[in-house]
Amino acid sequence: QELRPKSLDIRQEELGDMVEKEMASTSEAIEDAVRRIEEMMSQARNESSGVKLEVNERILNSCTDLMKAIRLLVTTSTNLQKEIVESGRGAATTQEFYAKNSRWTEGLISASKAVGWGATQLVESADRVVLHTGKYEELIVCSHEIAASTAQLVAASKVKAEKSSRNLVRLQECSRNVNEMAANVVASTKSGQEQIEEKDTMDFSGMSLIKLKKEEMETQVKVLELEKRLEGERVRLGELRKQHYALAGTYDAAEDGEAKPAPAPRRGILKKPPLAQKP
């Protein structure tokens, strides 16, 4: 008990209730997402037509398929979790099992939250895309996040599951299905983006030599600016991921009782250790 992180303010008897509440909350988030997508589908049919309607329907259908796959994943994960508790608690109560395996329980709660959050973000991004106020790239990123959070949930469930468990096999199948549906969302989004976005005709036949040279130089400048900006964003993404891993990893207890992330290891040239002195 003394070695447990001081940042945890949750009492042990509350852990079991938190798992059940979080899984139920995730299921509700999925159901709400499915309802919202159906409403968006109806709205798109009333307010758009032609290519736009075709693209919106294809994207929303792929999002619906993904939500259904996530719903089945959460249901299967809940069944596996109950199986793990029943087979591992022995004479102890369910609450005592969760308290004894608090690290595993917290990982399960975190993974469930990540899945529910990803589903909510996907629906909000799809809504903005249909209303032409959002970016197609947001849908792609949300799909990747859902695939990652799904892997997290499977890993958390797999830690204590029996290798011969049928529910574990079903969960792994559900995970593969979620990944496939997420890939379909990415594919439908990219193809829709290509259909919707207007492309310039690039007709340079009426330009003079001087005008062509000027346009060429301006385009080269834009290319260099975009390449520099892309490199800067990649560096920013790397730093954000470092901070994310640091916060999600080991915490040091601060003097004021709050948790702070462990300092990142210093980068530098590895030096050869000094030779031991002879006795």
Foldseek 3Di string as FASTA:
>chain_A
DVPPALQDPDDLLCLLVLLVVLLVVLLVLLVVLLVLLVVLLVVLVVPDDDLLNVLLVQLSVLLNQLSVLVNQLSVLLVVLVVVLQVVPQVPHDSSVVCSVVVVLSVLLSVLSVQLSVLSNQLSVQSSCVSVVNHDLVSNLVSLVSNLVSLVSNLVSSPPRGDPPDPSNVVSVVSSVSSNVSSVSSNVSSVVSVVVPDDDDPPDCPPDDPVRVVVVVVVVVVVVVVVVVVVVVVVVVVVVVVVVVCQVVDDWDQDPVRHTDGDDDDDDDDDDDDDDDDDD
